[in-house]
C-alpha atoms as a PDB file:
ATOM      1  CA  MET A   1      -5.978  -5.844  17.955  1.00  0.00           C
ATOM      2  CA  ASN A   2      -6.196  -4.789  14.720  1.00  0.00           C
ATOM      3  CA  ARG A   3      -6.674  -6.745  11.680  1.00  0.00           C
ATOM      4  CA  TYR A   4      -3.359  -5.926  10.250  1.00  0.00           C
ATOM      5  CA  ARG A   5      -1.676  -6.893  13.564  1.00  0.00           C
ATOM      6  CA  ALA A   6      -3.929 -10.345  13.748  1.00  0.00           C
ATOM      7  CA  ILE A   7      -2.839 -10.838  10.160  1.00  0.00           C
ATOM      8  CA  GLN A   8       1.137 -10.088  10.533  1.00  0.00           C
ATOM      9  CA  LYS A   9       0.971 -12.293  14.377  1.00  0.00           C
ATOM     10  CA  ALA A  10      -0.644 -15.145  12.373  1.00  0.00           C
ATOM     11  CA  ALA A  11       2.222 -14.707   9.400  1.00  0.00           C
ATOM     12  CA  MET A  12       4.909 -14.754  11.917  1.00  0.00           C
ATOM     13  CA  GLU A  13       3.894 -17.813  13.691  1.00  0.00           C
ATOM     14  CA  TYR A  14       3.648 -19.430  10.895  1.00  0.00           C
ATOM     15  CA  TYR A  15       6.951 -18.417   9.512  1.00  0.00           C
ATOM     16  CA  TYR A  16       8.674 -19.481  12.987  1.00  0.00           C
ATOM     17  CA  LYS A  17       7.016 -22.960  12.853  1.00  0.00           C
ATOM     18  CA  GLU A  18       8.021 -23.354   8.894  1.00  0.00           C
ATOM     19  CA  ARG A  19      11.505 -21.697   9.401  1.00  0.00           C
ATOM     20  CA  ASN A  20      12.979 -25.000  10.728  1.00  0.00           C
ATOM     21  CA  LYS A  21      12.361 -26.509   7.113  1.00  0.00           C
ATOM     22  CA  ASN A  22      15.023 -24.694   5.568  1.00  0.00           C
ATOM     23  CA  ILE A  23      12.978 -21.476   4.846  1.00  0.00           C
ATOM     24  CA  HIS A  24      16.351 -18.925   4.521  1.00  0.00           C
ATOM     25  CA  THR A  25      15.826 -17.176   1.059  1.00  0.00           C
ATOM     26  CA  PRO A  26      13.651 -13.848   0.847  1.00  0.00           C
ATOM     27  CA  GLU A  27      11.255 -15.474  -1.365  1.00  0.00           C
ATOM     28  CA  GLU A  28      10.934 -18.448   0.771  1.00  0.00           C
ATOM     29  CA  ILE A  29      10.406 -16.040   3.831  1.00  0.00           C
ATOM     30  CA  ARG A  30       8.100 -13.833   1.945  1.00  0.00           C
ATOM     31  CA  GLY A  31       6.524 -17.111   0.882  1.00  0.00           C
ATOM     32  CA  ALA A  32       5.855 -18.108   4.372  1.00  0.00           C
ATOM     33  CA  PHE A  33       4.617 -14.913   5.438  1.00  0.00           C
ATOM     34  CA  VAL A  34       1.878 -14.496   2.968  1.00  0.00           C
ATOM     35  CA  THR A  35       0.841 -18.220   3.309  1.00  0.00           C
ATOM     36  CA  GLY A  36       0.664 -17.463   7.436  1.00  0.00           C
ATOM     37  CA  ALA A  37      -1.529 -14.592   6.419  1.00  0.00           C
ATOM     38  CA  ILE A  38      -3.705 -16.835   3.998  1.00  0.00           C
ATOM     39  CA  TRP A  39      -4.138 -19.287   6.516  1.00  0.00           C
ATOM     40  CA  ALA A  40      -5.487 -16.015   9.207  1.00  0.00           C
ATOM     41  CA  ASP A  41      -7.608 -15.092   6.861  1.00  0.00           C
ATOM     42  CA  VAL A  42      -9.161 -18.689   6.232  1.00  0.00           C
ATOM     43  CA  ASN A  43      -9.248 -20.656   9.438  1.00  0.00           C
ATOM     44  CA  SER A  44      -9.254 -17.351  12.081  1.00  0.00           C
ATOM     45  CA  GLY A  45     -12.378 -15.526  10.646  1.00  0.00           C
ATOM     46  CA  LEU A  46     -10.450 -12.363  10.103  1.00  0.00           C
ATOM     47  CA  ASP A  47     -12.155 -10.365   7.497  1.00  0.00           C
ATOM     48  CA  LEU A  48      -9.758  -9.309   4.678  1.00  0.00           C
ATOM     49  CA  ASN A  49     -12.466  -8.394   2.444  1.00  0.00           C
ATOM     50  CA  SER A  50     -13.047  -4.553   3.884  1.00  0.00           C
ATOM     51  CA  MET A  51      -9.468  -3.500   5.382  1.00  0.00           C
ATOM     52  CA  ALA A  52      -8.516   0.167   5.310  1.00  0.00           C
ATOM     53  CA  PHE A  53      -5.582   1.466   2.942  1.00  0.00           C
ATOM     54  CA  GLY A  54      -2.586   1.127   5.475  1.00  0.00           C
ATOM     55  CA  GLU A  55      -4.216  -2.998   5.953  1.00  0.00           C
ATOM     56  CA  ALA A  56      -3.944  -3.247   2.353  1.00  0.00           C
ATOM     57  CA  ILE A  57      -0.530  -1.672   1.988  1.00  0.00           C
ATOM     58  CA  GLN A  58       0.884  -4.003   4.832  1.00  0.00           C
ATOM     59  CA  LEU A  59      -0.254  -7.172   2.767  1.00  0.00           C
ATOM     60  CA  MET A  60       0.916  -5.386  -0.566  1.00  0.00           C
ATOM     61  CA  LYS A  61       4.418  -5.556   1.046  1.00  0.00           C
ATOM     62  CA  TYR A  62       3.862  -9.379   1.507  1.00  0.00           C
ATOM     63  CA  GLY A  63       3.316 -10.039  -1.541  1.00  0.00           C
ATOM     64  CA  ASP A  64      -0.356  -9.667  -2.041  1.00  0.00           C
ATOM     65  CA  ARG A  65      -2.363  -8.266  -4.817  1.00  0.00           C
ATOM     66  CA  ILE A  66      -5.131  -5.886  -3.367  1.00  0.00           C
ATOM     67  CA  ARG A  67      -8.084  -3.742  -5.192  1.00  0.00           C
ATOM     68  CA  ARG A  68     -11.025  -2.183  -3.806  1.00  0.00           C
ATOM     69  CA  SER A  69     -14.684  -3.387  -4.316  1.00  0.00           C
ATOM     70  CA  GLY A  70     -15.459  -0.176  -4.653  1.00  0.00           C
ATOM     71  CA  TRP A  71     -14.013  -0.433  -8.233  1.00  0.00           C
ATOM     72  CA  LYS A  72     -16.335  -0.762 -11.098  1.00  0.00           C
ATOM     73  CA  ASP A  73     -14.119  -3.247 -12.781  1.00  0.00           C
ATOM     74  CA  GLN A  74     -13.324  -6.422 -10.790  1.00  0.00           C
ATOM     75  CA  GLY A  75     -10.237  -7.463 -12.740  1.00  0.00           C
ATOM     76  CA  LYS A  76      -8.179  -4.219 -12.156  1.00  0.00           C
ATOM     77  CA  TYR A  77      -5.758  -4.654  -9.037  1.00  0.00           C
ATOM     78  CA  ILE A  78      -2.786  -3.072  -7.593  1.00  0.00           C
ATOM     79  CA  TRP A  79       0.411  -4.703  -6.113  1.00  0.00           C
ATOM     80  CA  LEU A  80       3.974  -3.690  -5.198  1.00  0.00           C
ATOM     81  CA  LYS A  81       6.870  -4.149  -7.186  1.00  0.00           C
ATOM     82  CA  ALA A  82      10.121  -4.276  -5.094  1.00  0.00           C
ATOM     83  CA  ALA A  83      13.248  -2.403  -5.846  1.00  0.00           C
ATOM     84  CA  GLU A  84      15.880  -4.042  -8.136  1.00  0.00           C
ATOM     85  CA  ILE A  85      18.864  -3.847 -10.002  1.00  0.00           C
ATOM     86  CA  ILE A  86      18.272  -4.415 -13.584  1.00  0.00           C
ATOM     87  CA  PRO A  87      21.730  -5.079 -16.049  1.00  0.00           C
ATOM     88  CA  CYS A  88      22.560  -3.081 -18.610  1.00  0.00           C
ATOM     89  CA  ASP A  89      22.053  -6.048 -21.224  1.00  0.00           C
ATOM     90  CA  LEU A  90      18.211  -6.202 -20.701  1.00  0.00           C
ATOM     91  CA  CYS A  91      17.900  -2.907 -21.719  1.00  0.00           C
ATOM     92  CA  GLN A  92      16.154  -2.012 -24.651  1.00  0.00           C
ATOM     93  CA  ASP A  93      15.589   1.600 -24.394  1.00  0.00           C
ATOM     94  CA  PRO A  94      18.856   3.781 -25.431  1.00  0.00           C
ATOM     95  CA  ARG A  95      18.489   6.370 -22.487  1.00  0.00           C
ATOM     96  CA  LEU A  96      18.287   3.056 -19.944  1.00  0.00           C
ATOM     97  CA  LYS A  97      21.161   1.733 -21.610  1.00  0.00           C
ATOM     98  CA  SER A  98      23.183   4.735 -21.048  1.00  0.00           C
ATOM     99  CA  ILE A  99      22.263   5.467 -17.402  1.00  0.00           C
ATOM    100  CA  ALA A 100      23.340   1.548 -17.043  1.00  0.00           C
ATOM    101  CA  ASP A 101      26.449   2.552 -18.470  1.00  0.00           C
ATOM    102  CA  GLU A 102      27.064   5.354 -16.282  1.00  0.00           C
ATOM    103  CA  ASN A 103      26.034   3.190 -13.584  1.00  0.00           C
ATOM    104  CA  GLY A 104      28.605   0.421 -13.977  1.00  0.00           C
ATOM    105  CA  GLY A 105      26.434  -1.583 -15.739  1.00  0.00           C
ATOM    106  CA  ASN A 106      23.265  -1.605 -14.119  1.00  0.00           C
ATOM    107  CA  ILE A 107      20.336   0.074 -13.326  1.00  0.00           C
ATOM    108  CA  GLU A 108      18.789   0.048 -10.050  1.00  0.00           C
ATOM    109  CA  THR A 109      15.267   0.776  -9.768  1.00  0.00           C
ATOM    110  CA  LEU A 110      12.891   1.872  -6.767  1.00  0.00           C
ATOM    111  CA  GLY A 111       9.966   0.368  -5.438  1.00  0.00           C
ATOM    112  CA  THR A 112       6.773   1.279  -7.168  1.00  0.00           C
ATOM    113  CA  ILE A 113       2.858   0.334  -6.941  1.00  0.00           C
ATOM    114  CA  TYR A 114       1.505  -1.270 -10.378  1.00  0.00           C
ATOM    115  CA  MET A 115      -1.832  -1.547 -11.351  1.00  0.00           C
ATOM    116  CA  LYS A 116      -3.446  -3.440 -13.996  1.00  0.00           C
ATOM    117  CA  THR A 117      -5.990  -1.607 -15.664  1.00  0.00           C
ATOM    118  CA  GLU A 118      -9.474  -2.372 -16.833  1.00  0.00           C
ATOM    119  CA  ASP A 119      -8.212  -2.638 -20.560  1.00  0.00           C
ATOM    120  CA  ASN A 120      -5.394  -5.226 -19.765  1.00  0.00           C
ATOM    121  CA  LYS A 121      -2.748  -2.722 -19.804  1.00  0.00           C
ATOM    122  CA  ILE A 122      -0.037  -2.229 -16.870  1.00  0.00           C
ATOM    123  CA  LEU A 123       0.340   0.962 -15.303  1.00  0.00           C
ATOM    124  CA  ALA A 124       3.265   2.338 -13.414  1.00  0.00           C
ATOM    125  CA  GLY A 125       3.590   4.220 -10.770  1.00  0.00           C
ATOM    126  CA  TRP A 126       0.071   4.028  -9.343  1.00  0.00           C
ATOM    127  CA  THR A 127      -1.000   6.896  -6.949  1.00  0.00           C
ATOM    128  CA  PRO A 128      -4.356   6.536  -4.887  1.00  0.00           C
ATOM    129  CA  SER A 129      -6.938   9.287  -4.733  1.00  0.00           C
ATOM    130  CA  GLN A 130      -7.927  10.643  -1.541  1.00  0.00           C
ATOM    131  CA  ALA A 131     -11.396   8.483  -1.765  1.00  0.00           C
ATOM    132  CA  ASP A 132      -8.795   5.205  -2.279  1.00  0.00           C
ATOM    133  CA  ILE A 133      -6.925   6.520   0.926  1.00  0.00           C
ATOM    134  CA  LEU A 134     -10.139   6.825   2.967  1.00  0.00           C
ATOM    135  CA  SER A 135     -11.523   3.833   1.833  1.00  0.00           C
ATOM    136  CA  ASN A 136     -12.330   0.529   3.995  1.00  0.00           C
ATOM    137  CA  ASP A 137     -13.372  -1.685   0.932  1.00  0.00           C
ATOM    138  CA  TRP A 138     -10.066  -2.564  -0.227  1.00  0.00           C
ATOM    139  CA  THR A 139      -9.831  -6.785  -0.609  1.00  0.00           C
ATOM    140  CA  ILE A 140      -6.724  -9.309  -1.210  1.00  0.00           C
ATOM    141  CA  VAL A 141      -6.978 -10.761  -4.941  1.00  0.00           C
ATOM    142  CA  ARG A 142      -7.066 -14.692  -5.008  1.00  0.00           C
END
């Protein structure tokens, strides 16, 4: 069983064990999965410090932040920002307000990968290089 499947199995087991404790909202379900994945990392000897990109992406979908150990700056990491609906009154950009008005008062955003850069800026729409995709040095940011 590969690491991702073992982590997913541990996360599912934890979720099923905890769901009788009134875990119903998406945030509570996601929290139970993340807790199960962390439990798997700490208690079952799974190595989450040398993952393939695909495994790291799956953990990002559960809410984890990830980075490559090969990146020079260890403060740099990426995470998945889920799709959401933003009300017009939260839009400050006139173009976004116009789009929201055309959309009935809301903007529906698509999910994207964000990066915290080495100079503490946020990059929206991070795209991996071929080296990033082929590397096996992805880790979870704790």
